[in-house]
PDB file of N, CA and C in Angstrom:
ATOM      1  N   MET A   1     -22.599   5.275   3.678  1.00  0.00           N
ATOM      2  CA  MET A   1     -21.898   6.711   2.946  1.00  0.00           C
ATOM      3  C   MET A   1     -20.558   6.496   3.121  1.00  0.00           C
ATOM      4  N   PRO A   2     -20.092   6.313   4.650  1.00  0.00           N
ATOM      5  CA  PRO A   2     -18.704   6.523   4.734  1.00  0.00           C
ATOM      6  C   PRO A   2     -17.694   5.843   4.222  1.00  0.00           C
ATOM      7  N   ASP A   3     -18.247   4.556   3.555  1.00  0.00           N
ATOM      8  CA  ASP A   3     -17.125   3.670   3.101  1.00  0.00           C
ATOM      9  C   ASP A   3     -17.299   4.004   1.303  1.00  0.00           C
ATOM     10  N   LEU A   4     -18.451   4.451   0.892  1.00  0.00           N
ATOM     11  CA  LEU A   4     -18.009   4.970  -0.109  1.00  0.00           C
ATOM     12  C   LEU A   4     -17.369   6.018  -0.468  1.00  0.00           C
ATOM     13  N   GLY A   5     -17.489   6.973   0.903  1.00  0.00           N
ATOM     14  CA  GLY A   5     -16.828   8.290   0.358  1.00  0.00           C
ATOM     15  C   GLY A   5     -14.870   8.094   0.563  1.00  0.00           C
ATOM     16  N   GLU A   6     -14.621   6.955   1.625  1.00  0.00           N
ATOM     17  CA  GLU A   6     -13.261   6.459   1.449  1.00  0.00           C
ATOM     18  C   GLU A   6     -13.058   5.938  -0.086  1.00  0.00           C
ATOM     19  N   ILE A   7     -13.589   5.056  -0.438  1.00  0.00           N
ATOM     20  CA  ILE A   7     -13.466   4.553  -2.027  1.00  0.00           C
ATOM     21  C   ILE A   7     -13.753   5.897  -3.030  1.00  0.00           C
ATOM     22  N   ALA A   8     -14.401   6.486  -2.784  1.00  0.00           N
ATOM     23  CA  ALA A   8     -14.193   7.878  -3.500  1.00  0.00           C
ATOM     24  C   ALA A   8     -13.014   8.280  -3.991  1.00  0.00           C
ATOM     25  N   LYS A   9     -12.423   8.753  -2.544  1.00  0.00           N
ATOM     26  CA  LYS A   9     -11.007   9.328  -2.306  1.00  0.00           C
ATOM     27  C   LYS A   9      -9.562   8.032  -3.087  1.00  0.00           C
ATOM     28  N   ASN A  10     -10.254   6.733  -3.070  1.00  0.00           N
ATOM     29  CA  ASN A  10      -9.170   5.551  -3.664  1.00  0.00           C
ATOM     30  C   ASN A  10      -8.710   5.717  -4.746  1.00  0.00           C
ATOM     31  N   TYR A  11     -10.078   5.886  -5.406  1.00  0.00           N
ATOM     32  CA  TYR A  11     -10.178   5.797  -6.820  1.00  0.00           C
ATOM     33  C   TYR A  11      -9.999   7.048  -7.606  1.00  0.00           C
ATOM     34  N   GLY A  12      -9.671   8.104  -7.010  1.00  0.00           N
ATOM     35  CA  GLY A  12      -9.319   9.777  -7.371  1.00  0.00           C
ATOM     36  C   GLY A  12     -10.224   9.599  -8.728  1.00  0.00           C
ATOM     37  N   ASP A  13      -9.775  10.067  -9.900  1.00  0.00           N
ATOM     38  CA  ASP A  13     -10.464  10.556 -11.072  1.00  0.00           C
ATOM     39  C   ASP A  13     -10.792   9.359 -11.758  1.00  0.00           C
ATOM     40  N   ARG A  14     -10.265   8.182 -11.392  1.00  0.00           N
ATOM     41  CA  ARG A  14     -11.001   7.166 -12.614  1.00  0.00           C
ATOM     42  C   ARG A  14     -12.374   6.404 -12.104  1.00  0.00           C
ATOM     43  N   VAL A  15     -12.837   7.129 -11.277  1.00  0.00           N
ATOM     44  CA  VAL A  15     -14.636   7.177 -10.992  1.00  0.00           C
ATOM     45  C   VAL A  15     -15.115   7.960 -10.877  1.00  0.00           C
ATOM     46  N   GLY A  16     -16.261   8.478 -11.264  1.00  0.00           N
ATOM     47  CA  GLY A  16     -17.389   9.490 -10.277  1.00  0.00           C
ATOM     48  C   GLY A  16     -18.492   8.750  -9.799  1.00  0.00           C
ATOM     49  N   PHE A  17     -18.426   9.582  -8.405  1.00  0.00           N
ATOM     50  CA  PHE A  17     -19.452   9.279  -7.216  1.00  0.00           C
ATOM     51  C   PHE A  17     -20.708  10.199  -7.231  1.00  0.00           C
ATOM     52  N   ILE A  18     -21.596   9.915  -7.377  1.00  0.00           N
ATOM     53  CA  ILE A  18     -22.868  11.011  -6.742  1.00  0.00           C
ATOM     54  C   ILE A  18     -23.704  10.425  -6.138  1.00  0.00           C
ATOM     55  N   ALA A  19     -24.782  11.103  -5.395  1.00  0.00           N
ATOM     56  CA  ALA A  19     -25.610  10.473  -4.694  1.00  0.00           C
ATOM     57  C   ALA A  19     -26.547  11.204  -5.050  1.00  0.00           C
ATOM     58  N   LEU A  20     -27.802  10.488  -5.024  1.00  0.00           N
ATOM     59  CA  LEU A  20     -28.919  10.881  -5.824  1.00  0.00           C
ATOM     60  C   LEU A  20     -30.288  10.394  -4.433  1.00  0.00           C
ATOM     61  N   LEU A  21     -30.370  11.900  -4.007  1.00  0.00           N
ATOM     62  CA  LEU A  21     -31.127  11.931  -2.900  1.00  0.00           C
ATOM     63  C   LEU A  21     -32.663  11.616  -3.282  1.00  0.00           C
ATOM     64  N   ASP A  22     -33.487  10.855  -2.250  1.00  0.00           N
ATOM     65  CA  ASP A  22     -34.875  10.306  -2.613  1.00  0.00           C
ATOM     66  C   ASP A  22     -35.429  11.763  -2.159  1.00  0.00           C
ATOM     67  N   ASP A  23     -37.020  12.092  -2.350  1.00  0.00           N
ATOM     68  CA  ASP A  23     -37.540  12.906  -1.539  1.00  0.00           C
ATOM     69  C   ASP A  23     -38.158  12.695  -0.601  1.00  0.00           C
ATOM     70  N   TYR A  24     -38.211  11.170   0.104  1.00  0.00           N
ATOM     71  CA  TYR A  24     -39.112  11.194   1.279  1.00  0.00           C
ATOM     72  C   TYR A  24     -38.484  11.927   2.742  1.00  0.00           C
ATOM     73  N   ALA A  25     -39.691  12.079   3.502  1.00  0.00           N
ATOM     74  CA  ALA A  25     -39.097  13.109   4.900  1.00  0.00           C
ATOM     75  C   ALA A  25     -37.814  13.411   4.935  1.00  0.00           C
ATOM     76  N   GLY A  26     -37.404  14.178   5.086  1.00  0.00           N
ATOM     77  CA  GLY A  26     -35.918  14.625   5.667  1.00  0.00           C
ATOM     78  C   GLY A  26     -34.844  14.006   5.121  1.00  0.00           C
ATOM     79  N   ALA A  27     -35.152  13.439   4.282  1.00  0.00           N
ATOM     80  CA  ALA A  27     -33.965  12.553   3.496  1.00  0.00           C
ATOM     81  C   ALA A  27     -32.574  13.649   3.259  1.00  0.00           C
ATOM     82  N   ARG A  28     -32.959  14.549   2.393  1.00  0.00           N
ATOM     83  CA  ARG A  28     -31.954  15.642   2.050  1.00  0.00           C
ATOM     84  C   ARG A  28     -31.115  15.729   3.569  1.00  0.00           C
ATOM     85  N   GLU A  29     -31.760  16.267   4.459  1.00  0.00           N
ATOM     86  CA  GLU A  29     -31.301  17.074   5.613  1.00  0.00           C
ATOM     87  C   GLU A  29     -30.471  15.704   6.226  1.00  0.00           C
ATOM     88  N   ARG A  30     -30.897  14.875   6.244  1.00  0.00           N
ATOM     89  CA  ARG A  30     -30.108  13.308   7.085  1.00  0.00           C
ATOM     90  C   ARG A  30     -29.061  13.162   6.566  1.00  0.00           C
ATOM     91  N   ALA A  31     -29.236  12.803   4.639  1.00  0.00           N
ATOM     92  CA  ALA A  31     -28.062  12.754   3.886  1.00  0.00           C
ATOM     93  C   ALA A  31     -26.807  13.612   4.251  1.00  0.00           C
ATOM     94  N   ALA A  32     -27.119  14.985   4.130  1.00  0.00           N
ATOM     95  CA  ALA A  32     -26.236  16.133   4.491  1.00  0.00           C
ATOM     96  C   ALA A  32     -25.357  15.905   5.620  1.00  0.00           C
ATOM     97  N   GLY A  33     -26.200  15.766   6.719  1.00  0.00           N
ATOM     98  CA  GLY A  33     -25.490  14.994   8.078  1.00  0.00           C
ATOM     99  C   GLY A  33     -24.639  14.130   8.132  1.00  0.00           C
ATOM    100  N   ILE A  34     -25.109  13.170   7.637  1.00  0.00           N
ATOM    101  CA  ILE A  34     -24.156  12.078   7.240  1.00  0.00           C
ATOM    102  C   ILE A  34     -22.898  12.135   6.364  1.00  0.00           C
ATOM    103  N   ALA A  35     -23.216  13.100   4.956  1.00  0.00           N
ATOM    104  CA  ALA A  35     -21.946  12.992   4.451  1.00  0.00           C
ATOM    105  C   ALA A  35     -20.959  13.997   5.420  1.00  0.00           C
ATOM    106  N   GLU A  36     -21.281  14.985   5.764  1.00  0.00           N
ATOM    107  CA  GLU A  36     -20.457  16.059   6.658  1.00  0.00           C
ATOM    108  C   GLU A  36     -19.485  15.123   7.778  1.00  0.00           C
ATOM    109  N   LYS A  37     -20.000  14.424   8.521  1.00  0.00           N
ATOM    110  CA  LYS A  37     -19.650  13.574   9.486  1.00  0.00           C
ATOM    111  C   LYS A  37     -18.406  12.866   8.947  1.00  0.00           C
ATOM    112  N   ALA A  38     -18.657  11.944   7.652  1.00  0.00           N
ATOM    113  CA  ALA A  38     -17.959  11.217   6.995  1.00  0.00           C
ATOM    114  C   ALA A  38     -16.894  11.802   6.130  1.00  0.00           C
ATOM    115  N   GLY A  39     -16.984  13.044   5.869  1.00  0.00           N
ATOM    116  CA  GLY A  39     -16.257  13.485   4.900  1.00  0.00           C
ATOM    117  C   GLY A  39     -16.539  13.416   3.560  1.00  0.00           C
ATOM    118  N   ILE A  40     -17.459  13.287   2.821  1.00  0.00           N
ATOM    119  CA  ILE A  40     -17.991  12.722   1.876  1.00  0.00           C
ATOM    120  C   ILE A  40     -17.823  14.119   1.274  1.00  0.00           C
ATOM    121  N   GLU A  41     -17.131  14.033  -0.137  1.00  0.00           N
ATOM    122  CA  GLU A  41     -16.836  15.058  -0.690  1.00  0.00           C
ATOM    123  C   GLU A  41     -17.475  15.395  -2.369  1.00  0.00           C
ATOM    124  N   PHE A  42     -18.069  13.870  -2.669  1.00  0.00           N
ATOM    125  CA  PHE A  42     -18.687  13.816  -3.840  1.00  0.00           C
ATOM    126  C   PHE A  42     -20.067  14.374  -3.637  1.00  0.00           C
ATOM    127  N   ALA A  43     -20.589  14.864  -5.093  1.00  0.00           N
ATOM    128  CA  ALA A  43     -21.730  15.308  -5.219  1.00  0.00           C
ATOM    129  C   ALA A  43     -23.161  14.536  -4.876  1.00  0.00           C
ATOM    130  N   MET A  44     -24.137  15.524  -4.208  1.00  0.00           N
ATOM    131  CA  MET A  44     -24.961  15.065  -3.957  1.00  0.00           C
ATOM    132  C   MET A  44     -26.284  15.521  -4.765  1.00  0.00           C
ATOM    133  N   PHE A  45     -27.299  14.969  -5.154  1.00  0.00           N
ATOM    134  CA  PHE A  45     -28.540  15.757  -6.056  1.00  0.00           C
ATOM    135  C   PHE A  45     -29.735  15.194  -5.605  1.00  0.00           C
ATOM    136  N   ASP A  46     -30.741  16.444  -5.881  1.00  0.00           N
ATOM    137  CA  ASP A  46     -32.182  15.517  -5.397  1.00  0.00           C
ATOM    138  C   ASP A  46     -32.403  14.747  -6.818  1.00  0.00           C
ATOM    139  N   ALA A  47     -32.832  13.516  -6.887  1.00  0.00           N
ATOM    140  CA  ALA A  47     -32.943  12.293  -7.750  1.00  0.00           C
ATOM    141  C   ALA A  47     -33.954  13.124  -8.187  1.00  0.00           C
ATOM    142  N   TYR A  48     -34.951  13.773  -8.219  1.00  0.00           N
ATOM    143  CA  TYR A  48     -36.028  14.012  -9.212  1.00  0.00           C
ATOM    144  C   TYR A  48     -35.839  15.537  -9.763  1.00  0.00           C
ATOM    145  N   HIS A  49     -34.558  15.977 -10.069  1.00  0.00           N
ATOM    146  CA  HIS A  49     -34.358  17.191 -10.773  1.00  0.00           C
ATOM    147  C   HIS A  49     -34.187  16.783 -12.095  1.00  0.00           C
ATOM    148  N   ASP A  50     -34.787  17.443 -13.427  1.00  0.00           N
ATOM    149  CA  ASP A  50     -34.889  17.149 -14.403  1.00  0.00           C
ATOM    150  C   ASP A  50     -34.067  16.742 -15.105  1.00  0.00           C
ATOM    151  N   GLU A  51     -32.843  17.020 -15.084  1.00  0.00           N
ATOM    152  CA  GLU A  51     -31.423  16.448 -15.794  1.00  0.00           C
ATOM    153  C   GLU A  51     -31.105  15.134 -15.218  1.00  0.00           C
ATOM    154  N   LEU A  52     -31.639  14.448 -14.688  1.00  0.00           N
ATOM    155  CA  LEU A  52     -31.361  13.406 -13.815  1.00  0.00           C
ATOM    156  C   LEU A  52     -32.652  12.212 -13.937  1.00  0.00           C
ATOM    157  N   SER A  53     -33.427  12.791 -14.765  1.00  0.00           N
ATOM    158  CA  SER A  53     -35.043  11.656 -14.550  1.00  0.00           C
ATOM    159  C   SER A  53     -34.472  10.662 -14.914  1.00  0.00           C
ATOM    160  N   GLU A  54     -33.775  10.630 -15.999  1.00  0.00           N
ATOM    161  CA  GLU A  54     -33.312   8.985 -17.084  1.00  0.00           C
ATOM    162  C   GLU A  54     -32.597   8.249 -15.650  1.00  0.00           C
ATOM    163  N   LEU A  55     -31.738   9.196 -15.235  1.00  0.00           N
ATOM    164  CA  LEU A  55     -30.520   8.142 -14.349  1.00  0.00           C
ATOM    165  C   LEU A  55     -31.435   7.660 -12.872  1.00  0.00           C
ATOM    166  N   GLN A  56     -32.328   8.416 -12.380  1.00  0.00           N
ATOM    167  CA  GLN A  56     -33.006   8.559 -11.271  1.00  0.00           C
ATOM    168  C   GLN A  56     -34.152   7.040 -11.580  1.00  0.00           C
ATOM    169  N   LYS A  57     -34.716   6.885 -12.782  1.00  0.00           N
ATOM    170  CA  LYS A  57     -35.490   6.276 -13.153  1.00  0.00           C
ATOM    171  C   LYS A  57     -34.692   4.808 -13.180  1.00  0.00           C
ATOM    172  N   MET A  58     -33.491   4.661 -13.862  1.00  0.00           N
ATOM    173  CA  MET A  58     -32.430   3.430 -13.491  1.00  0.00           C
ATOM    174  C   MET A  58     -32.644   3.063 -12.778  1.00  0.00           C
ATOM    175  N   CYS A  59     -32.356   3.601 -11.354  1.00  0.00           N
ATOM    176  CA  CYS A  59     -31.910   3.449 -10.237  1.00  0.00           C
ATOM    177  C   CYS A  59     -33.062   3.146  -9.295  1.00  0.00           C
ATOM    178  N   ARG A  60     -34.176   3.290  -9.427  1.00  0.00           N
ATOM    179  CA  ARG A  60     -35.703   3.042  -8.628  1.00  0.00           C
ATOM    180  C   ARG A  60     -35.635   1.848  -8.320  1.00  0.00           C
ATOM    181  N   SER A  61     -35.657   1.148  -6.954  1.00  0.00           N
ATOM    182  CA  SER A  61     -36.001   0.063  -6.301  1.00  0.00           C
ATOM    183  C   SER A  61     -36.690  -0.012  -5.588  1.00  0.00           C
ATOM    184  N   GLY A  62     -37.018   1.122  -4.772  1.00  0.00           N
ATOM    185  CA  GLY A  62     -37.836   0.895  -3.712  1.00  0.00           C
ATOM    186  C   GLY A  62     -37.376   0.855  -2.224  1.00  0.00           C
ATOM    187  N   TYR A  63     -35.824   0.611  -2.342  1.00  0.00           N
ATOM    188  CA  TYR A  63     -35.247   0.700  -1.435  1.00  0.00           C
ATOM    189  C   TYR A  63     -33.989   1.348  -1.320  1.00  0.00           C
ATOM    190  N   VAL A  64     -33.899   1.750   0.385  1.00  0.00           N
ATOM    191  CA  VAL A  64     -32.584   2.635   0.586  1.00  0.00           C
ATOM    192  C   VAL A  64     -31.617   1.933   1.332  1.00  0.00           C
ATOM    193  N   PRO A  65     -30.597   2.205   1.184  1.00  0.00           N
ATOM    194  CA  PRO A  65     -29.597   2.607  -0.243  1.00  0.00           C
ATOM    195  C   PRO A  65     -29.858   1.308  -1.467  1.00  0.00           C
ATOM    196  N   THR A  66     -29.685   1.976  -2.526  1.00  0.00           N
ATOM    197  CA  THR A  66     -29.404   1.456  -3.726  1.00  0.00           C
ATOM    198  C   THR A  66     -28.564   1.931  -4.411  1.00  0.00           C
ATOM    199  N   SER A  67     -27.142   1.143  -4.999  1.00  0.00           N
ATOM    200  CA  SER A  67     -26.358   1.429  -5.675  1.00  0.00           C
ATOM    201  C   SER A  67     -26.209   1.188  -6.846  1.00  0.00           C
ATOM    202  N   VAL A  68     -25.778   1.918  -8.050  1.00  0.00           N
ATOM    203  CA  VAL A  68     -25.591   1.305  -9.421  1.00  0.00           C
ATOM    204  C   VAL A  68     -24.218   1.412  -9.672  1.00  0.00           C
ATOM    205  N   ILE A  69     -23.635   1.002 -10.826  1.00  0.00           N
ATOM    206  CA  ILE A  69     -22.343   1.480 -11.569  1.00  0.00           C
ATOM    207  C   ILE A  69     -22.904   1.519 -13.212  1.00  0.00           C
ATOM    208  N   ILE A  70     -22.311   2.846 -13.321  1.00  0.00           N
ATOM    209  CA  ILE A  70     -22.688   3.231 -14.576  1.00  0.00           C
ATOM    210  C   ILE A  70     -21.529   3.536 -15.187  1.00  0.00           C
ATOM    211  N   ASP A  71     -21.377   3.031 -16.882  1.00  0.00           N
ATOM    212  CA  ASP A  71     -19.983   3.243 -17.606  1.00  0.00           C
ATOM    213  C   ASP A  71     -20.238   4.843 -17.983  1.00  0.00           C
ATOM    214  N   ARG A  72     -19.218   4.775 -18.769  1.00  0.00           N
ATOM    215  CA  ARG A  72     -19.580   6.273 -19.791  1.00  0.00           C
ATOM    216  C   ARG A  72     -20.296   6.737 -20.551  1.00  0.00           C
ATOM    217  N   GLU A  73     -21.344   5.633 -21.109  1.00  0.00           N
ATOM    218  CA  GLU A  73     -22.182   5.470 -22.013  1.00  0.00           C
ATOM    219  C   GLU A  73     -23.398   5.969 -21.351  1.00  0.00           C
ATOM    220  N   GLY A  74     -23.601   6.204 -19.986  1.00  0.00           N
ATOM    221  CA  GLY A  74     -24.720   6.180 -19.067  1.00  0.00           C
ATOM    222  C   GLY A  74     -25.427   4.514 -18.972  1.00  0.00           C
ATOM    223  N   LYS A  75     -24.814   3.297 -19.330  1.00  0.00           N
ATOM    224  CA  LYS A  75     -25.427   2.295 -19.416  1.00  0.00           C
ATOM    225  C   LYS A  75     -25.021   1.460 -17.969  1.00  0.00           C
ATOM    226  N   MET A  76     -26.064   0.654 -17.025  1.00  0.00           N
ATOM    227  CA  MET A  76     -25.993   0.321 -16.197  1.00  0.00           C
ATOM    228  C   MET A  76     -24.741  -1.048 -15.950  1.00  0.00           C
ATOM    229  N   ILE A  77     -23.900  -1.192 -15.367  1.00  0.00           N
ATOM    230  CA  ILE A  77     -23.053  -2.766 -15.295  1.00  0.00           C
ATOM    231  C   ILE A  77     -23.689  -2.941 -14.010  1.00  0.00           C
ATOM    232  N   GLY A  78     -23.840  -4.500 -14.504  1.00  0.00           N
ATOM    233  CA  GLY A  78     -24.224  -5.415 -13.290  1.00  0.00           C
ATOM    234  C   GLY A  78     -25.944  -4.937 -12.798  1.00  0.00           C
ATOM    235  N   ASP A  79     -26.016  -5.481 -12.144  1.00  0.00           N
ATOM    236  CA  ASP A  79     -27.286  -5.457 -11.228  1.00  0.00           C
ATOM    237  C   ASP A  79     -26.932  -4.190 -10.013  1.00  0.00           C
ATOM    238  N   MET A  80     -28.270  -3.910  -9.779  1.00  0.00           N
ATOM    239  CA  MET A  80     -28.764  -2.654  -8.973  1.00  0.00           C
ATOM    240  C   MET A  80     -28.309  -3.807  -7.271  1.00  0.00           C
ATOM    241  N   ILE A  81     -27.298  -2.714  -6.454  1.00  0.00           N
ATOM    242  CA  ILE A  81     -26.808  -3.212  -5.173  1.00  0.00           C
ATOM    243  C   ILE A  81     -27.694  -2.670  -4.392  1.00  0.00           C
ATOM    244  N   ILE A  82     -28.658  -3.443  -3.853  1.00  0.00           N
ATOM    245  CA  ILE A  82     -29.593  -3.255  -2.637  1.00  0.00           C
ATOM    246  C   ILE A  82     -28.827  -3.078  -1.280  1.00  0.00           C
ATOM    247  N   GLY A  83     -28.674  -2.244  -0.474  1.00  0.00           N
ATOM    248  CA  GLY A  83     -27.992  -2.020   0.582  1.00  0.00           C
ATOM    249  C   GLY A  83     -26.745  -2.022   0.633  1.00  0.00           C
ATOM    250  N   ALA A  84     -25.765  -2.218   1.528  1.00  0.00           N
ATOM    251  CA  ALA A  84     -24.362  -2.386   1.380  1.00  0.00           C
ATOM    252  C   ALA A  84     -23.885  -3.753   1.036  1.00  0.00           C
ATOM    253  N   PRO A  85     -23.171  -3.664   0.379  1.00  0.00           N
ATOM    254  CA  PRO A  85     -22.617  -5.161  -0.465  1.00  0.00           C
ATOM    255  C   PRO A  85     -21.531  -6.123   0.707  1.00  0.00           C
ATOM    256  N   ARG A  86     -21.905  -7.045   0.604  1.00  0.00           N
ATOM    257  CA  ARG A  86     -21.060  -7.494   1.918  1.00  0.00           C
ATOM    258  C   ARG A  86     -19.530  -7.766   1.462  1.00  0.00           C
ATOM    259  N   GLY A  87     -19.162  -7.907   0.482  1.00  0.00           N
ATOM    260  CA  GLY A  87     -17.688  -7.744   0.326  1.00  0.00           C
ATOM    261  C   GLY A  87     -17.159  -6.758   0.103  1.00  0.00           C
ATOM    262  N   GLY A  88     -18.225  -5.031   0.130  1.00  0.00           N
ATOM    263  CA  GLY A  88     -17.532  -3.785   0.197  1.00  0.00           C
ATOM    264  C   GLY A  88     -18.076  -3.552  -1.417  1.00  0.00           C
ATOM    265  N   TYR A  89     -17.680  -1.916  -1.531  1.00  0.00           N
ATOM    266  CA  TYR A  89     -17.877  -1.415  -2.960  1.00  0.00           C
ATOM    267  C   TYR A  89     -16.603  -1.544  -3.987  1.00  0.00           C
ATOM    268  N   ALA A  90     -15.707  -1.781  -3.497  1.00  0.00           N
ATOM    269  CA  ALA A  90     -14.104  -1.683  -3.930  1.00  0.00           C
ATOM    270  C   ALA A  90     -14.441  -2.829  -5.024  1.00  0.00           C
ATOM    271  N   GLY A  91     -14.390  -4.165  -4.590  1.00  0.00           N
ATOM    272  CA  GLY A  91     -14.683  -5.369  -5.740  1.00  0.00           C
ATOM    273  C   GLY A  91     -15.344  -5.086  -6.650  1.00  0.00           C
ATOM    274  N   LEU A  92     -16.778  -4.633  -6.250  1.00  0.00           N
ATOM    275  CA  LEU A  92     -17.817  -4.521  -7.674  1.00  0.00           C
ATOM    276  C   LEU A  92     -17.186  -3.134  -8.535  1.00  0.00           C
ATOM    277  N   ILE A  93     -16.498  -2.147  -8.095  1.00  0.00           N
ATOM    278  CA  ILE A  93     -16.228  -1.291  -8.985  1.00  0.00           C
ATOM    279  C   ILE A  93     -14.574  -2.147  -9.286  1.00  0.00           C
ATOM    280  N   ASP A  94     -13.648  -2.663  -8.801  1.00  0.00           N
ATOM    281  CA  ASP A  94     -12.917  -3.156  -9.418  1.00  0.00           C
ATOM    282  C   ASP A  94     -13.011  -4.155 -10.875  1.00  0.00           C
ATOM    283  N   ASP A  95     -14.161  -4.752 -10.615  1.00  0.00           N
ATOM    284  CA  ASP A  95     -14.685  -5.752 -11.588  1.00  0.00           C
ATOM    285  C   ASP A  95     -15.625  -4.982 -12.992  1.00  0.00           C
ATOM    286  N   ALA A  96     -15.899  -3.888 -12.324  1.00  0.00           N
ATOM    287  CA  ALA A  96     -16.296  -2.621 -13.401  1.00  0.00           C
ATOM    288  C   ALA A  96     -15.519  -2.592 -14.465  1.00  0.00           C
ATOM    289  N   LEU A  97     -13.987  -1.992 -13.868  1.00  0.00           N
ATOM    290  CA  LEU A  97     -13.094  -1.377 -14.339  1.00  0.00           C
ATOM    291  C   LEU A  97     -12.188  -2.411 -15.135  1.00  0.00           C
ATOM    292  N   GLY A  98     -12.140  -3.480 -14.356  1.00  0.00           N
ATOM    293  CA  GLY A  98     -11.070  -4.073 -15.135  1.00  0.00           C
ATOM    294  C   GLY A  98      -9.809  -4.497 -14.467  1.00  0.00           C
ATOM    295  N   SER A  99      -9.826  -3.434 -13.376  1.00  0.00           N
ATOM    296  CA  SER A  99      -8.057  -3.512 -12.371  1.00  0.00           C
ATOM    297  C   SER A  99      -8.572  -2.598 -11.280  1.00  0.00           C
ATOM    298  N   PRO A 100      -7.627  -2.981 -10.159  1.00  0.00           N
ATOM    299  CA  PRO A 100      -7.907  -2.065  -8.743  1.00  0.00           C
ATOM    300  C   PRO A 100      -7.894  -1.212  -8.721  1.00  0.00           C
ATOM    301  N   ALA A 101      -8.341  -0.362  -7.486  1.00  0.00           N
ATOM    302  CA  ALA A 101      -7.663   1.213  -7.601  1.00  0.00           C
ATOM    303  C   ALA A 101      -6.317   1.127  -7.612  1.00  0.00           C
ATOM    304  N   PRO A 102      -5.164   1.740  -7.315  1.00  0.00           N
ATOM    305  CA  PRO A 102      -4.087   2.306  -7.107  1.00  0.00           C
ATOM    306  C   PRO A 102      -3.935   2.224  -6.062  1.00  0.00           C
TER     307      PRO A 102
END
């Protein structure tokens, strides 16, 4: 989450970030604590909220964390990212956008 918080700041309004929190014991509380310590400013939602059910189904992998890049039409770009990517998230996002952060 700290890496995503920093990247979210770097990409500004070019990319939107949200966190979907699974409903296992204490997940929301732990995520809120991590987000506060890391200065995370993007939204965090309960993954089982009715309006997010399709996104939750798309992102379900059985692993935490799982990240996905989704285009404006709601289609997943590339594969699910299980765990933290070795090269970081920026390269994956730059590839999806076709250009690096300013």
